[in-house]
Amino acid sequence: MLPNHVCRKFSDALSTELALAALGLKTSGTVQQRAERLFLTKNTPLEKLDKKHFAKGSHVFQQNGTTAALQQDENSKEIALMEAKMQ
């Protein structure tokens, strides 16, 4: 069995990756880089983020900012943040 501090770090890293993936953002990089990407979404709408933050093939750019895509992104963002808080 792993020590609690190791499990906690793994859980935090996994929840950050899940939150980023749900938003269509890149999930790679260091813990610091992933945290910075996630923090960007706190006050910046997804459609205003630089495309370098998004994973290849992300639906945000494929649908060109239609209302449906924006609503789906907002819903995904809320779900990702709730999942991150639950961990």
C-alpha atoms as a PDB file:
ATOM      1  CA  MET A   1       0.000   0.000   0.000  1.00  0.00           C
ATOM      2  CA  LEU A   2       1.247   3.483  -0.857  1.00  0.00           C
ATOM      3  CA  PRO A   3       1.722   6.185   1.781  1.00  0.00           C
ATOM      4  CA  ASN A   4      -1.070   8.765   2.036  1.00  0.00           C
ATOM      5  CA  HIS A   5       1.033  11.655   0.711  1.00  0.00           C
ATOM      6  CA  VAL A   6       1.877   9.653  -2.440  1.00  0.00           C
ATOM      7  CA  CYS A   7      -1.780   8.731  -2.990  1.00  0.00           C
ATOM      8  CA  ARG A   8      -2.824  12.351  -2.488  1.00  0.00           C
ATOM      9  CA  LYS A   9      -0.289  13.611  -5.055  1.00  0.00           C
ATOM     10  CA  PHE A  10      -1.383  10.971  -7.552  1.00  0.00           C
ATOM     11  CA  SER A  11      -5.045  11.829  -6.979  1.00  0.00           C
ATOM     12  CA  ASP A  12      -4.378  15.569  -7.439  1.00  0.00           C
ATOM     13  CA  ALA A  13      -2.433  14.974 -10.657  1.00  0.00           C
ATOM     14  CA  LEU A  14      -5.125  12.673 -12.012  1.00  0.00           C
ATOM     15  CA  SER A  15      -7.951  15.087 -11.194  1.00  0.00           C
ATOM     16  CA  THR A  16      -6.060  17.924 -12.931  1.00  0.00           C
ATOM     17  CA  GLU A  17      -5.596  15.775 -16.028  1.00  0.00           C
ATOM     18  CA  LEU A  18      -9.269  14.800 -16.035  1.00  0.00           C
ATOM     19  CA  ALA A  19     -10.354  18.422 -15.691  1.00  0.00           C
ATOM     20  CA  LEU A  20      -8.076  19.496 -18.558  1.00  0.00           C
ATOM     21  CA  ALA A  21      -9.267  16.650 -20.776  1.00  0.00           C
ATOM     22  CA  ALA A  22     -12.906  17.502 -20.114  1.00  0.00           C
ATOM     23  CA  LEU A  23     -12.192  21.046 -21.305  1.00  0.00           C
ATOM     24  CA  GLY A  24     -10.324  19.877 -24.401  1.00  0.00           C
ATOM     25  CA  LEU A  25      -7.037  21.267 -23.108  1.00  0.00           C
ATOM     26  CA  LYS A  26      -3.653  19.565 -23.284  1.00  0.00           C
ATOM     27  CA  THR A  27      -3.095  17.107 -20.457  1.00  0.00           C
ATOM     28  CA  SER A  28       0.661  16.765 -20.890  1.00  0.00           C
ATOM     29  CA  GLY A  29       3.495  18.703 -19.301  1.00  0.00           C
ATOM     30  CA  THR A  30       4.682  19.175 -15.772  1.00  0.00           C
ATOM     31  CA  VAL A  31       2.333  19.479 -12.826  1.00  0.00           C
ATOM     32  CA  GLN A  32       3.041  23.219 -12.838  1.00  0.00           C
ATOM     33  CA  GLN A  33       2.172  23.575 -16.554  1.00  0.00           C
ATOM     34  CA  ARG A  34      -1.058  21.600 -16.166  1.00  0.00           C
ATOM     35  CA  ALA A  35      -2.048  23.678 -13.133  1.00  0.00           C
ATOM     36  CA  GLU A  36      -1.365  26.907 -15.045  1.00  0.00           C
ATOM     37  CA  ARG A  37      -3.525  25.721 -17.955  1.00  0.00           C
ATOM     38  CA  LEU A  38      -6.363  24.825 -15.620  1.00  0.00           C
ATOM     39  CA  PHE A  39      -6.049  28.131 -13.759  1.00  0.00           C
ATOM     40  CA  LEU A  40      -6.355  30.016 -17.063  1.00  0.00           C
ATOM     41  CA  THR A  41      -9.913  28.722 -17.377  1.00  0.00           C
ATOM     42  CA  LYS A  42     -10.958  30.270 -14.073  1.00  0.00           C
ATOM     43  CA  ASN A  43     -11.511  33.771 -15.467  1.00  0.00           C
ATOM     44  CA  THR A  44     -11.028  33.331 -19.223  1.00  0.00           C
ATOM     45  CA  PRO A  45     -13.705  31.830 -21.476  1.00  0.00           C
ATOM     46  CA  LEU A  46     -12.463  28.857 -23.492  1.00  0.00           C
ATOM     47  CA  GLU A  47     -13.070  30.622 -26.795  1.00  0.00           C
ATOM     48  CA  LYS A  48     -10.627  33.378 -25.752  1.00  0.00           C
ATOM     49  CA  LEU A  49      -7.773  31.034 -24.820  1.00  0.00           C
ATOM     50  CA  ASP A  50      -4.859  30.715 -27.223  1.00  0.00           C
ATOM     51  CA  LYS A  51      -5.178  27.566 -29.321  1.00  0.00           C
ATOM     52  CA  LYS A  52      -1.752  26.406 -28.124  1.00  0.00           C
ATOM     53  CA  HIS A  53      -3.440  25.342 -24.858  1.00  0.00           C
ATOM     54  CA  PHE A  54      -5.864  22.970 -26.594  1.00  0.00           C
ATOM     55  CA  ALA A  55      -5.302  19.332 -27.439  1.00  0.00           C
ATOM     56  CA  LYS A  56      -5.081  18.440 -31.106  1.00  0.00           C
ATOM     57  CA  GLY A  57      -8.523  17.787 -32.532  1.00  0.00           C
ATOM     58  CA  SER A  58     -10.239  19.622 -29.705  1.00  0.00           C
ATOM     59  CA  HIS A  59     -13.933  20.204 -30.438  1.00  0.00           C
ATOM     60  CA  VAL A  60     -13.610  23.877 -29.495  1.00  0.00           C
ATOM     61  CA  PHE A  61     -11.915  24.664 -32.787  1.00  0.00           C
ATOM     62  CA  GLN A  62     -13.703  22.103 -34.919  1.00  0.00           C
ATOM     63  CA  GLN A  63     -17.093  23.718 -34.310  1.00  0.00           C
ATOM     64  CA  ASN A  64     -15.843  27.317 -34.723  1.00  0.00           C
ATOM     65  CA  GLY A  65     -17.476  28.702 -31.589  1.00  0.00           C
ATOM     66  CA  THR A  66     -21.113  27.911 -32.311  1.00  0.00           C
ATOM     67  CA  THR A  67     -23.568  28.383 -29.492  1.00  0.00           C
ATOM     68  CA  ALA A  68     -23.882  24.627 -28.985  1.00  0.00           C
ATOM     69  CA  ALA A  69     -20.121  24.239 -28.678  1.00  0.00           C
ATOM     70  CA  LEU A  70     -19.873  27.105 -26.207  1.00  0.00           C
ATOM     71  CA  GLN A  71     -22.637  25.665 -24.034  1.00  0.00           C
ATOM     72  CA  GLN A  72     -21.045  22.218 -24.140  1.00  0.00           C
ATOM     73  CA  ASP A  73     -17.689  23.725 -23.174  1.00  0.00           C
ATOM     74  CA  GLU A  74     -19.247  25.599 -20.273  1.00  0.00           C
ATOM     75  CA  ASN A  75     -20.962  22.413 -19.086  1.00  0.00           C
ATOM     76  CA  SER A  76     -17.716  20.451 -19.409  1.00  0.00           C
ATOM     77  CA  LYS A  77     -15.882  23.129 -17.452  1.00  0.00           C
ATOM     78  CA  GLU A  78     -18.384  22.955 -14.604  1.00  0.00           C
ATOM     79  CA  ILE A  79     -18.222  19.154 -14.516  1.00  0.00           C
ATOM     80  CA  ALA A  80     -14.419  19.156 -14.578  1.00  0.00           C
ATOM     81  CA  LEU A  81     -14.228  21.643 -11.724  1.00  0.00           C
ATOM     82  CA  MET A  82     -16.721  19.627  -9.659  1.00  0.00           C
ATOM     83  CA  GLU A  83     -14.721  16.449 -10.274  1.00  0.00           C
ATOM     84  CA  ALA A  84     -11.512  18.203  -9.259  1.00  0.00           C
ATOM     85  CA  LYS A  85     -13.117  19.441  -6.026  1.00  0.00           C
ATOM     86  CA  MET A  86     -14.415  15.946  -5.206  1.00  0.00           C
ATOM     87  CA  GLN A  87     -10.917  14.487  -5.277  1.00  0.00           C
END
